[in-house]
C-alpha atoms as a PDB file:
ATOM      1  CA  MET A   1     -34.534   0.196   8.925  1.00  0.00           C
ATOM      2  CA  SER A   2     -32.988   2.251   6.119  1.00  0.00           C
ATOM      3  CA  VAL A   3     -31.119   0.618   3.273  1.00  0.00           C
ATOM      4  CA  LEU A   4     -27.911   2.255   4.440  1.00  0.00           C
ATOM      5  CA  VAL A   5     -28.236   1.052   8.041  1.00  0.00           C
ATOM      6  CA  ALA A   6     -28.967  -2.469   6.843  1.00  0.00           C
ATOM      7  CA  PHE A   7     -25.935  -2.287   4.566  1.00  0.00           C
ATOM      8  CA  LEU A   8     -23.644  -1.232   7.407  1.00  0.00           C
ATOM      9  CA  LEU A   9     -24.959  -3.926   9.727  1.00  0.00           C
ATOM     10  CA  LEU A  10     -24.478  -6.608   7.123  1.00  0.00           C
ATOM     11  CA  TRP A  11     -20.995  -5.408   6.276  1.00  0.00           C
ATOM     12  CA  GLY A  12     -20.268  -5.279   9.978  1.00  0.00           C
ATOM     13  CA  LEU A  13     -20.672  -9.025  10.003  1.00  0.00           C
ATOM     14  CA  SER A  14     -18.246  -9.513   7.138  1.00  0.00           C
ATOM     15  CA  LEU A  15     -15.699  -7.081   8.631  1.00  0.00           C
ATOM     16  CA  SER A  16     -15.834  -8.440  12.168  1.00  0.00           C
ATOM     17  CA  PRO A  17     -12.893 -10.495  13.421  1.00  0.00           C
ATOM     18  CA  ALA A  18     -12.719 -14.065  12.168  1.00  0.00           C
ATOM     19  CA  PRO A  19     -13.086 -16.959  14.622  1.00  0.00           C
ATOM     20  CA  GLU A  20     -10.040 -17.297  16.862  1.00  0.00           C
ATOM     21  CA  ALA A  21      -8.623 -20.235  14.907  1.00  0.00           C
ATOM     22  CA  ALA A  22      -8.645 -18.174  11.722  1.00  0.00           C
ATOM     23  CA  ILE A  23      -6.927 -15.037  13.077  1.00  0.00           C
ATOM     24  CA  ALA A  24      -3.680 -14.266  11.245  1.00  0.00           C
ATOM     25  CA  ILE A  25      -0.883 -12.189  12.789  1.00  0.00           C
ATOM     26  CA  GLU A  26       0.723  -9.572  10.553  1.00  0.00           C
ATOM     27  CA  THR A  27       4.446 -10.394  10.315  1.00  0.00           C
ATOM     28  CA  ARG A  28       5.573  -8.212   7.409  1.00  0.00           C
ATOM     29  CA  PRO A  29       8.174  -5.693   8.676  1.00  0.00           C
ATOM     30  CA  ASN A  30       8.168  -1.944   8.020  1.00  0.00           C
ATOM     31  CA  LEU A  31      10.988  -0.200   6.156  1.00  0.00           C
ATOM     32  CA  TRP A  32      11.736   3.525   6.063  1.00  0.00           C
ATOM     33  CA  ALA A  33      14.645   5.932   5.607  1.00  0.00           C
ATOM     34  CA  GLU A  34      16.167   8.163   8.270  1.00  0.00           C
ATOM     35  CA  ALA A  35      18.231  11.144   7.147  1.00  0.00           C
ATOM     36  CA  GLU A  36      20.998  12.641   9.258  1.00  0.00           C
ATOM     37  CA  SER A  37      19.620  16.029   8.163  1.00  0.00           C
ATOM     38  CA  LEU A  38      16.276  16.573   6.438  1.00  0.00           C
ATOM     39  CA  LEU A  39      17.764  19.723   4.891  1.00  0.00           C
ATOM     40  CA  GLU A  40      19.856  17.354   2.721  1.00  0.00           C
ATOM     41  CA  PRO A  41      17.946  14.074   2.935  1.00  0.00           C
ATOM     42  CA  TRP A  42      20.194  12.067   0.590  1.00  0.00           C
ATOM     43  CA  ALA A  43      23.523  13.204   2.079  1.00  0.00           C
ATOM     44  CA  ASN A  44      23.614  10.519   4.782  1.00  0.00           C
ATOM     45  CA  VAL A  45      20.840   7.918   4.829  1.00  0.00           C
ATOM     46  CA  THR A  46      20.131   4.954   7.095  1.00  0.00           C
ATOM     47  CA  LEU A  47      17.431   2.397   6.333  1.00  0.00           C
ATOM     48  CA  MET A  48      15.436   1.172   9.318  1.00  0.00           C
ATOM     49  CA  CYS A  49      13.847  -2.292   9.203  1.00  0.00           C
ATOM     50  CA  GLN A  50      11.278  -2.754  11.969  1.00  0.00           C
ATOM     51  CA  ALA A  51      10.097  -6.298  12.651  1.00  0.00           C
ATOM     52  CA  ARG A  52       6.695  -7.141  14.132  1.00  0.00           C
ATOM     53  CA  LEU A  53       8.190  -9.732  16.494  1.00  0.00           C
ATOM     54  CA  GLU A  54      11.573  -9.960  18.205  1.00  0.00           C
ATOM     55  CA  THR A  55      14.191 -11.657  16.042  1.00  0.00           C
ATOM     56  CA  LEU A  56      17.920 -12.270  15.587  1.00  0.00           C
ATOM     57  CA  ASP A  57      17.960 -12.030  11.792  1.00  0.00           C
ATOM     58  CA  PHE A  58      17.385  -9.320   9.197  1.00  0.00           C
ATOM     59  CA  GLN A  59      17.919  -9.168   5.440  1.00  0.00           C
ATOM     60  CA  LEU A  60      18.025  -6.114   3.166  1.00  0.00           C
ATOM     61  CA  PHE A  61      17.134  -6.381  -0.530  1.00  0.00           C
ATOM     62  CA  LYS A  62      17.791  -3.943  -3.375  1.00  0.00           C
ATOM     63  CA  ASN A  63      15.994  -4.449  -6.686  1.00  0.00           C
ATOM     64  CA  GLY A  64      15.071  -7.976  -5.582  1.00  0.00           C
ATOM     65  CA  VAL A  65      18.642  -9.032  -4.690  1.00  0.00           C
ATOM     66  CA  CYS A  66      19.785  -9.622  -1.096  1.00  0.00           C
ATOM     67  CA  GLN A  67      22.424  -7.031  -0.154  1.00  0.00           C
ATOM     68  CA  GLU A  68      23.054  -7.884   3.480  1.00  0.00           C
ATOM     69  CA  HIS A  69      22.180 -10.635   5.969  1.00  0.00           C
ATOM     70  CA  VAL A  70      22.557  -9.702   9.630  1.00  0.00           C
ATOM     71  CA  HIS A  71      22.566 -12.241  12.486  1.00  0.00           C
ATOM     72  CA  LEU A  72      22.552 -10.547  15.906  1.00  0.00           C
ATOM     73  CA  ASP A  73      23.578 -11.767  19.350  1.00  0.00           C
ATOM     74  CA  LEU A  74      20.476 -10.392  21.090  1.00  0.00           C
ATOM     75  CA  VAL A  75      16.866 -10.369  19.926  1.00  0.00           C
ATOM     76  CA  THR A  76      15.432  -7.036  18.822  1.00  0.00           C
ATOM     77  CA  THR A  77      12.606  -5.599  16.718  1.00  0.00           C
ATOM     78  CA  GLU A  78      14.689  -3.056  14.752  1.00  0.00           C
ATOM     79  CA  HIS A  79      17.889  -2.977  12.743  1.00  0.00           C
ATOM     80  CA  ARG A  80      19.576  -0.098  10.923  1.00  0.00           C
ATOM     81  CA  PHE A  81      21.294  -0.516   7.564  1.00  0.00           C
ATOM     82  CA  PRO A  82      23.589   2.500   6.918  1.00  0.00           C
ATOM     83  CA  LEU A  83      23.760   3.602   3.270  1.00  0.00           C
ATOM     84  CA  GLY A  84      25.678   6.859   3.705  1.00  0.00           C
ATOM     85  CA  ALA A  85      25.524   9.342   0.848  1.00  0.00           C
ATOM     86  CA  VAL A  86      23.283   8.045  -1.940  1.00  0.00           C
ATOM     87  CA  THR A  87      25.244   7.244  -5.116  1.00  0.00           C
ATOM     88  CA  GLY A  88      24.636   5.302  -8.287  1.00  0.00           C
ATOM     89  CA  ASP A  89      25.621   2.132  -6.411  1.00  0.00           C
ATOM     90  CA  THR A  90      23.035   2.592  -3.675  1.00  0.00           C
ATOM     91  CA  ARG A  91      20.090   3.946  -5.700  1.00  0.00           C
ATOM     92  CA  GLY A  92      17.273   1.450  -6.132  1.00  0.00           C
ATOM     93  CA  LEU A  93      14.117  -0.127  -4.714  1.00  0.00           C
ATOM     94  CA  TYR A  94      14.597  -1.584  -1.237  1.00  0.00           C
ATOM     95  CA  ARG A  95      12.753  -4.108   0.900  1.00  0.00           C
ATOM     96  CA  CYS A  96      13.674  -5.999   4.063  1.00  0.00           C
ATOM     97  CA  ARG A  97      12.514  -9.046   5.948  1.00  0.00           C
ATOM     98  CA  SER A  98      13.087 -10.533   9.389  1.00  0.00           C
ATOM     99  CA  GLY A  99      13.585 -14.009  10.726  1.00  0.00           C
ATOM    100  CA  MET A 100      10.690 -15.861  12.307  1.00  0.00           C
ATOM    101  CA  ASP A 101      11.333 -19.259  13.908  1.00  0.00           C
ATOM    102  CA  GLU A 102      13.126 -21.244  11.200  1.00  0.00           C
ATOM    103  CA  ARG A 103      11.867 -19.192   8.269  1.00  0.00           C
ATOM    104  CA  TRP A 104      11.564 -15.641   6.954  1.00  0.00           C
ATOM    105  CA  THR A 105       8.669 -13.235   7.034  1.00  0.00           C
ATOM    106  CA  GLU A 106       7.168 -11.695   3.911  1.00  0.00           C
ATOM    107  CA  LEU A 107       9.093  -8.813   2.366  1.00  0.00           C
ATOM    108  CA  SER A 108       8.427  -5.350   3.760  1.00  0.00           C
ATOM    109  CA  ASN A 109       6.866  -2.399   1.993  1.00  0.00           C
ATOM    110  CA  LEU A 110       8.775  -1.029  -0.987  1.00  0.00           C
ATOM    111  CA  LEU A 111      11.110   1.954  -0.404  1.00  0.00           C
ATOM    112  CA  GLU A 112      12.552   3.967  -3.290  1.00  0.00           C
ATOM    113  CA  VAL A 113      15.999   5.520  -2.780  1.00  0.00           C
ATOM    114  CA  ASN A 114      16.780   7.722  -5.771  1.00  0.00           C
ATOM    115  CA  GLY A 115      19.134  10.423  -4.490  1.00  0.00           C
ATOM    116  CA  ALA A 116      17.474  12.888  -6.862  1.00  0.00           C
ATOM    117  CA  GLU A 117      16.503  16.469  -6.146  1.00  0.00           C
ATOM    118  CA  SER A 118      12.884  15.468  -6.790  1.00  0.00           C
ATOM    119  CA  LEU A 119      11.744  13.273  -3.901  1.00  0.00           C
ATOM    120  CA  PRO A 120       9.951   9.999  -4.785  1.00  0.00           C
ATOM    121  CA  PRO A 121       6.145  10.041  -4.422  1.00  0.00           C
ATOM    122  CA  PRO A 122       4.412   8.742  -1.296  1.00  0.00           C
ATOM    123  CA  LEU A 123       1.634   6.155  -1.240  1.00  0.00           C
ATOM    124  CA  LEU A 124      -1.955   7.208  -0.528  1.00  0.00           C
ATOM    125  CA  SER A 125      -4.677   4.787   0.585  1.00  0.00           C
ATOM    126  CA  SER A 126      -8.164   5.006   2.090  1.00  0.00           C
ATOM    127  CA  GLU A 127      -9.356   3.243   5.256  1.00  0.00           C
ATOM    128  CA  PRO A 128     -11.568   1.430   6.020  1.00  0.00           C
ATOM    129  CA  VAL A 129     -13.470   2.075   2.761  1.00  0.00           C
ATOM    130  CA  SER A 130     -13.257   4.541  -0.116  1.00  0.00           C
ATOM    131  CA  TRP A 131     -16.638   6.229   0.275  1.00  0.00           C
ATOM    132  CA  ILE A 132     -18.249   8.646   2.734  1.00  0.00           C
ATOM    133  CA  THR A 133     -21.062   7.391   4.975  1.00  0.00           C
ATOM    134  CA  PRO A 134     -22.679   9.112   8.003  1.00  0.00           C
ATOM    135  CA  GLY A 135     -21.504   7.420  11.190  1.00  0.00           C
ATOM    136  CA  LEU A 136     -18.380   5.962   9.593  1.00  0.00           C
ATOM    137  CA  THR A 137     -15.090   7.874   9.558  1.00  0.00           C
ATOM    138  CA  THR A 138     -13.170   7.490   6.313  1.00  0.00           C
ATOM    139  CA  ILE A 139      -9.525   8.525   6.402  1.00  0.00           C
ATOM    140  CA  LEU A 140      -6.730   8.873   3.884  1.00  0.00           C
ATOM    141  CA  VAL A 141      -3.311   7.570   4.912  1.00  0.00           C
ATOM    142  CA  CYS A 142      -0.278   9.138   3.226  1.00  0.00           C
ATOM    143  CA  ARG A 143       2.917   7.125   3.713  1.00  0.00           C
ATOM    144  CA  GLY A 144       6.307   8.462   2.698  1.00  0.00           C
ATOM    145  CA  GLY A 145       9.791   7.028   2.697  1.00  0.00           C
ATOM    146  CA  PHE A 146      11.389   9.387   5.247  1.00  0.00           C
ATOM    147  CA  ARG A 147      10.663   9.660   8.934  1.00  0.00           C
ATOM    148  CA  GLY A 148       9.901  13.114  10.321  1.00  0.00           C
ATOM    149  CA  VAL A 149       8.548  14.888   7.241  1.00  0.00           C
ATOM    150  CA  THR A 150       5.488  17.084   6.698  1.00  0.00           C
ATOM    151  CA  PHE A 151       2.614  15.656   4.634  1.00  0.00           C
ATOM    152  CA  LEU A 152       0.365  17.658   2.323  1.00  0.00           C
ATOM    153  CA  LEU A 153      -3.074  16.587   1.078  1.00  0.00           C
ATOM    154  CA  ARG A 154      -4.606  17.959  -2.131  1.00  0.00           C
ATOM    155  CA  ARG A 155      -8.062  17.531  -3.683  1.00  0.00           C
ATOM    156  CA  GLU A 156      -8.397  17.756  -7.460  1.00  0.00           C
ATOM    157  CA  GLY A 157      -9.874  21.111  -8.420  1.00  0.00           C
ATOM    158  CA  ASP A 158      -8.561  22.929  -5.336  1.00  0.00           C
ATOM    159  CA  ASP A 159      -5.686  25.353  -5.833  1.00  0.00           C
ATOM    160  CA  GLN A 160      -4.165  24.957  -2.387  1.00  0.00           C
ATOM    161  CA  PHE A 161      -3.298  21.975  -0.201  1.00  0.00           C
ATOM    162  CA  LEU A 162      -6.311  21.031   1.911  1.00  0.00           C
ATOM    163  CA  GLU A 163      -4.418  19.947   4.987  1.00  0.00           C
ATOM    164  CA  VAL A 164      -0.872  19.863   6.289  1.00  0.00           C
ATOM    165  CA  ALA A 165       0.211  17.289   8.885  1.00  0.00           C
ATOM    166  CA  GLU A 166       3.584  17.038  10.583  1.00  0.00           C
ATOM    167  CA  ALA A 167       4.864  13.579  11.518  1.00  0.00           C
ATOM    168  CA  PRO A 168       8.015  14.152  13.593  1.00  0.00           C
ATOM    169  CA  GLU A 169       8.180  10.556  14.836  1.00  0.00           C
ATOM    170  CA  ASP A 170       6.411   8.707  12.042  1.00  0.00           C
ATOM    171  CA  VAL A 171       6.546   7.942   8.311  1.00  0.00           C
ATOM    172  CA  GLN A 172       2.859   8.541   7.620  1.00  0.00           C
ATOM    173  CA  ALA A 173      -0.029  10.884   8.389  1.00  0.00           C
ATOM    174  CA  THR A 174      -3.796  10.418   8.402  1.00  0.00           C
ATOM    175  CA  PHE A 175      -6.394  12.829   7.049  1.00  0.00           C
ATOM    176  CA  PRO A 176     -10.141  12.549   7.804  1.00  0.00           C
ATOM    177  CA  VAL A 177     -12.231  12.960   4.636  1.00  0.00           C
ATOM    178  CA  GLN A 178     -15.499  14.916   4.513  1.00  0.00           C
ATOM    179  CA  ARG A 179     -15.896  15.468   0.754  1.00  0.00           C
ATOM    180  CA  ALA A 180     -15.882  13.187  -2.258  1.00  0.00           C
ATOM    181  CA  GLY A 181     -13.293  13.748  -4.955  1.00  0.00           C
ATOM    182  CA  ASN A 182      -9.921  12.717  -6.327  1.00  0.00           C
ATOM    183  CA  TYR A 183      -7.186  13.092  -3.710  1.00  0.00           C
ATOM    184  CA  SER A 184      -3.391  12.948  -3.834  1.00  0.00           C
ATOM    185  CA  CYS A 185      -0.694  13.693  -1.292  1.00  0.00           C
ATOM    186  CA  SER A 186       2.941  14.703  -1.178  1.00  0.00           C
ATOM    187  CA  TYR A 187       5.503  15.578   1.501  1.00  0.00           C
ATOM    188  CA  ARG A 188       8.374  17.962   2.141  1.00  0.00           C
ATOM    189  CA  THR A 189      11.438  17.396   4.275  1.00  0.00           C
ATOM    190  CA  HIS A 190      11.677  20.986   5.586  1.00  0.00           C
ATOM    191  CA  ALA A 191       9.663  24.199   5.479  1.00  0.00           C
ATOM    192  CA  ALA A 192      11.617  25.763   2.610  1.00  0.00           C
ATOM    193  CA  GLY A 193      11.848  22.538   0.624  1.00  0.00           C
ATOM    194  CA  ALA A 194       9.850  21.747  -2.502  1.00  0.00           C
ATOM    195  CA  PRO A 195       7.103  19.104  -2.131  1.00  0.00           C
ATOM    196  CA  SER A 196       7.781  15.603  -3.391  1.00  0.00           C
ATOM    197  CA  GLU A 197       6.186  14.220  -6.497  1.00  0.00           C
ATOM    198  CA  PRO A 198       2.468  13.582  -5.811  1.00  0.00           C
ATOM    199  CA  SER A 199       1.114  10.164  -4.991  1.00  0.00           C
ATOM    200  CA  ALA A 200      -1.145   8.243  -7.316  1.00  0.00           C
ATOM    201  CA  PRO A 201      -4.714   9.564  -6.904  1.00  0.00           C
ATOM    202  CA  VAL A 202      -7.321   7.935  -4.679  1.00  0.00           C
ATOM    203  CA  VAL A 203     -11.016   8.385  -5.496  1.00  0.00           C
ATOM    204  CA  ILE A 204     -13.466   8.957  -2.624  1.00  0.00           C
ATOM    205  CA  GLU A 205     -17.040   8.256  -3.755  1.00  0.00           C
ATOM    206  CA  GLU A 206     -20.283  10.042  -2.981  1.00  0.00           C
ATOM    207  CA  LEU A 207     -22.827   8.594  -0.556  1.00  0.00           C
ATOM    208  CA  GLY A 208     -25.215   7.848  -3.447  1.00  0.00           C
ATOM    209  CA  GLU A 209     -22.761   5.324  -4.874  1.00  0.00           C
ATOM    210  CA  CYS A 210     -22.586   3.636  -1.488  1.00  0.00           C
ATOM    211  CA  LEU A 211     -26.382   3.372  -1.384  1.00  0.00           C
ATOM    212  CA  ASP A 212     -26.362   1.722  -4.808  1.00  0.00           C
ATOM    213  CA  HIS A 213     -23.968  -0.923  -3.501  1.00  0.00           C
ATOM    214  CA  ALA A 214     -26.092  -1.350  -0.366  1.00  0.00           C
ATOM    215  CA  GLU A 215     -29.241  -2.014  -2.379  1.00  0.00           C
ATOM    216  CA  GLY A 216     -27.375  -4.535  -4.482  1.00  0.00           C
ATOM    217  CA  PHE A 217     -26.040  -6.218  -1.354  1.00  0.00           C
ATOM    218  CA  LEU A 218     -29.543  -6.546   0.103  1.00  0.00           C
ATOM    219  CA  ARG A 219     -30.788  -8.075  -3.152  1.00  0.00           C
ATOM    220  CA  GLU A 220     -27.964 -10.615  -2.970  1.00  0.00           C
ATOM    221  CA  VAL A 221     -28.604 -11.750   0.610  1.00  0.00           C
ATOM    222  CA  SER A 222     -32.315 -12.004  -0.101  1.00  0.00           C
ATOM    223  CA  GLY A 223     -31.734 -14.418  -2.949  1.00  0.00           C
ATOM    224  CA  GLY A 224     -31.648 -11.915  -5.819  1.00  0.00           C
ATOM    225  CA  GLN A 225     -28.925 -11.398  -8.361  1.00  0.00           C
ATOM    226  CA  SER A 226     -25.289 -10.872  -7.356  1.00  0.00           C
ATOM    227  CA  TRP A 227     -24.417  -7.327  -6.336  1.00  0.00           C
ATOM    228  CA  PRO A 228     -21.737  -5.250  -8.042  1.00  0.00           C
ATOM    229  CA  LEU A 229     -18.771  -4.740  -5.719  1.00  0.00           C
ATOM    230  CA  PRO A 230     -16.815  -1.541  -6.448  1.00  0.00           C
ATOM    231  CA  ARG A 231     -13.930  -2.090  -8.836  1.00  0.00           C
ATOM    232  CA  PRO A 232     -10.450  -1.891  -7.312  1.00  0.00           C
ATOM    233  CA  GLN A 233      -7.744   0.354  -8.733  1.00  0.00           C
ATOM    234  CA  LEU A 234      -4.394  -1.074  -9.832  1.00  0.00           C
ATOM    235  CA  LEU A 235      -1.309   1.142  -9.538  1.00  0.00           C
ATOM    236  CA  PRO A 236       2.223   0.343 -10.773  1.00  0.00           C
ATOM    237  CA  LEU A 237       4.903   1.194  -8.197  1.00  0.00           C
ATOM    238  CA  TRP A 238       7.530   1.854 -10.849  1.00  0.00           C
ATOM    239  CA  ARG A 239       8.133   4.288 -13.669  1.00  0.00           C
ATOM    240  CA  GLY A 240       9.006   3.397 -17.259  1.00  0.00           C
ATOM    241  CA  ALA A 241      10.213  -0.073 -18.240  1.00  0.00           C
ATOM    242  CA  VAL A 242      11.305  -2.528 -15.523  1.00  0.00           C
ATOM    243  CA  SER A 243      14.882  -3.782 -15.803  1.00  0.00           C
ATOM    244  CA  PRO A 244      15.243  -7.576 -16.158  1.00  0.00           C
ATOM    245  CA  GLY A 245      15.951  -9.300 -12.852  1.00  0.00           C
ATOM    246  CA  HIS A 246      14.215  -6.620 -10.779  1.00  0.00           C
ATOM    247  CA  ASP A 247      10.894  -6.930  -8.955  1.00  0.00           C
ATOM    248  CA  ALA A 248       7.729  -5.317 -10.280  1.00  0.00           C
ATOM    249  CA  VAL A 249       5.245  -4.289  -7.584  1.00  0.00           C
ATOM    250  CA  LEU A 250       1.606  -3.462  -8.312  1.00  0.00           C
ATOM    251  CA  ARG A 251      -0.663  -2.001  -5.635  1.00  0.00           C
ATOM    252  CA  CYS A 252      -4.299  -3.102  -5.705  1.00  0.00           C
ATOM    253  CA  GLU A 253      -6.490  -0.495  -3.988  1.00  0.00           C
ATOM    254  CA  GLY A 254      -9.729  -2.155  -2.912  1.00  0.00           C
ATOM    255  CA  HIS A 255     -12.635  -1.100  -0.722  1.00  0.00           C
ATOM    256  CA  VAL A 256     -12.748  -3.712   2.056  1.00  0.00           C
ATOM    257  CA  PRO A 257     -10.066  -4.890   4.529  1.00  0.00           C
ATOM    258  CA  GLN A 258      -9.418  -8.515   5.475  1.00  0.00           C
ATOM    259  CA  VAL A 259      -9.893  -9.843   1.946  1.00  0.00           C
ATOM    260  CA  THR A 260      -7.739 -11.727  -0.555  1.00  0.00           C
ATOM    261  CA  PHE A 261      -6.202  -9.735  -3.403  1.00  0.00           C
ATOM    262  CA  GLU A 262      -5.383 -11.413  -6.713  1.00  0.00           C
ATOM    263  CA  LEU A 263      -3.232 -10.204  -9.612  1.00  0.00           C
ATOM    264  CA  LEU A 264      -4.270 -11.568 -12.998  1.00  0.00           C
ATOM    265  CA  ARG A 265      -2.779 -11.718 -16.468  1.00  0.00           C
ATOM    266  CA  ALA A 266      -4.773 -13.071 -19.406  1.00  0.00           C
ATOM    267  CA  GLY A 267      -7.363 -14.398 -16.943  1.00  0.00           C
ATOM    268  CA  GLU A 268      -4.848 -16.382 -14.852  1.00  0.00           C
ATOM    269  CA  THR A 269      -3.909 -15.552 -11.256  1.00  0.00           C
ATOM    270  CA  VAL A 270      -0.172 -14.835 -11.011  1.00  0.00           C
ATOM    271  CA  ALA A 271       0.115 -13.395  -7.466  1.00  0.00           C
ATOM    272  CA  THR A 272      -2.042 -13.440  -4.322  1.00  0.00           C
ATOM    273  CA  VAL A 273      -2.082 -11.714  -0.924  1.00  0.00           C
ATOM    274  CA  HIS A 274      -4.354 -13.318   1.681  1.00  0.00           C
ATOM    275  CA  GLY A 275      -6.115 -11.498   4.526  1.00  0.00           C
ATOM    276  CA  ALA A 276      -4.647  -8.039   3.921  1.00  0.00           C
ATOM    277  CA  ASP A 277      -4.973  -5.810   7.008  1.00  0.00           C
ATOM    278  CA  HIS A 278      -5.893  -2.758   4.940  1.00  0.00           C
ATOM    279  CA  SER A 279      -8.053  -2.163   1.907  1.00  0.00           C
ATOM    280  CA  SER A 280      -5.022  -2.426  -0.379  1.00  0.00           C
ATOM    281  CA  ALA A 281      -2.183  -4.865  -0.999  1.00  0.00           C
ATOM    282  CA  ASP A 282       1.138  -4.919  -2.840  1.00  0.00           C
ATOM    283  CA  LEU A 283       1.328  -7.758  -5.384  1.00  0.00           C
ATOM    284  CA  VAL A 284       4.885  -8.646  -6.408  1.00  0.00           C
ATOM    285  CA  LEU A 285       6.305 -10.157  -9.581  1.00  0.00           C
ATOM    286  CA  THR A 286       9.841 -11.279  -8.692  1.00  0.00           C
ATOM    287  CA  TYR A 287      12.861 -11.416 -10.995  1.00  0.00           C
ATOM    288  CA  VAL A 288      11.008  -9.918 -13.924  1.00  0.00           C
ATOM    289  CA  GLY A 289      11.952 -11.074 -17.425  1.00  0.00           C
ATOM    290  CA  PRO A 290      10.582 -10.676 -20.971  1.00  0.00           C
ATOM    291  CA  GLN A 291       7.985 -13.348 -20.211  1.00  0.00           C
ATOM    292  CA  HIS A 292       6.323 -10.983 -17.710  1.00  0.00           C
ATOM    293  CA  ALA A 293       5.576  -8.205 -20.217  1.00  0.00           C
ATOM    294  CA  GLY A 294       1.862  -7.620 -20.766  1.00  0.00           C
ATOM    295  CA  ASN A 295      -1.316  -6.240 -19.224  1.00  0.00           C
ATOM    296  CA  TYR A 296      -2.311  -6.969 -15.634  1.00  0.00           C
ATOM    297  CA  SER A 297      -5.436  -6.382 -13.555  1.00  0.00           C
ATOM    298  CA  CYS A 298      -6.474  -7.200  -9.997  1.00  0.00           C
ATOM    299  CA  ARG A 299      -9.534  -8.085  -7.945  1.00  0.00           C
ATOM    300  CA  TYR A 300     -10.436  -8.842  -4.320  1.00  0.00           C
ATOM    301  CA  ARG A 301     -12.545 -11.623  -2.840  1.00  0.00           C
ATOM    302  CA  SER A 302     -13.616 -13.320   0.372  1.00  0.00           C
ATOM    303  CA  TRP A 303     -15.030 -16.703   1.340  1.00  0.00           C
ATOM    304  CA  TRP A 304     -16.267 -15.782   4.843  1.00  0.00           C
ATOM    305  CA  PRO A 305     -18.910 -15.263   6.117  1.00  0.00           C
ATOM    306  CA  ARG A 306     -20.462 -15.012   2.632  1.00  0.00           C
ATOM    307  CA  PRO A 307     -18.417 -15.471  -0.561  1.00  0.00           C
ATOM    308  CA  PHE A 308     -18.021 -12.467  -2.856  1.00  0.00           C
ATOM    309  CA  LEU A 309     -15.771 -11.443  -5.740  1.00  0.00           C
ATOM    310  CA  SER A 310     -15.145  -7.957  -7.069  1.00  0.00           C
ATOM    311  CA  ARG A 311     -14.934  -6.916 -10.681  1.00  0.00           C
ATOM    312  CA  LEU A 312     -11.549  -6.576 -12.362  1.00  0.00           C
ATOM    313  CA  SER A 313      -9.608  -3.362 -11.954  1.00  0.00           C
ATOM    314  CA  ASN A 314      -8.263  -1.104 -14.649  1.00  0.00           C
ATOM    315  CA  PRO A 315      -5.466  -2.738 -16.699  1.00  0.00           C
ATOM    316  CA  VAL A 316      -1.796  -1.826 -16.140  1.00  0.00           C
ATOM    317  CA  GLU A 317       0.844  -2.585 -18.764  1.00  0.00           C
ATOM    318  CA  LEU A 318       4.207  -3.965 -17.654  1.00  0.00           C
ATOM    319  CA  GLN A 319       7.051  -3.233 -20.040  1.00  0.00           C
ATOM    320  CA  VAL A 320      10.398  -4.997 -19.616  1.00  0.00           C
ATOM    321  CA  ALA A 321      13.514  -3.144 -20.751  1.00  0.00           C
ATOM    322  CA  GLY A 322      15.212  -4.712 -23.754  1.00  0.00           C
ATOM    323  CA  SER A 323      12.252  -6.899 -24.737  1.00  0.00           C
END
């Protein structure tokens, strides 16, 4: 058996579903924007909050502060929050959540509403891993804020967009990956429109790097030294200094789904996401103040079926306005 085949079989054990008692249901809702006309996306905007389970209650947050609490007469999985034309009063970072039994779900994905001519960047992630291996399909998922846009994928060093994908009924598009490199994506709301700002880059590794990790993994399970898990990448989902009282969201891009992501500052864990469905997770610092300024890093880990812990990511500095 080749090293690579052994590696995939062993990882297959760690990526297989957990025992039934340990299965967790994803409850975090999805949030996106719907424009009355994609020719003028900010002229009349409605935010759609889509719950995973039927509910009577929805809440909409802007910059970490609840803007609206809706209690309905009939259960549903979706609720629309009309914003109208985007102005200085409605610009901001939005999230939503839905009711579940006698409590609330986690907050949804972050959605930037800026009303500017330059559209906010999408988010790019790799699934299920960030390397290319024969027999395993690696894809890049580009998620934007608007429904019904066209997504564009670019590879560093290439002059033109590699692929174009229309998503008339969705807020994201998937791109199979055949070559290693640094990738980014953007989107446009109509054919004559300028592309949005590009996403943060995602690195797809060569097969040789994967083999190095496989050999290390086999040494570990055979009683040798611990193997070096690939480092995650930490991305700030804001620009410039964060205003006091707002949330700061950092995305930790890992390499393995169904793991726990940890955000650290000065060696101490300050935020955690357990059992993330994808190979990335958003780690949130709420109601940011001067005490939150500093450098942050992230890592991912698992305790089942065999414990492992990744190395720390690149550092990201959080600056708080006025501090």
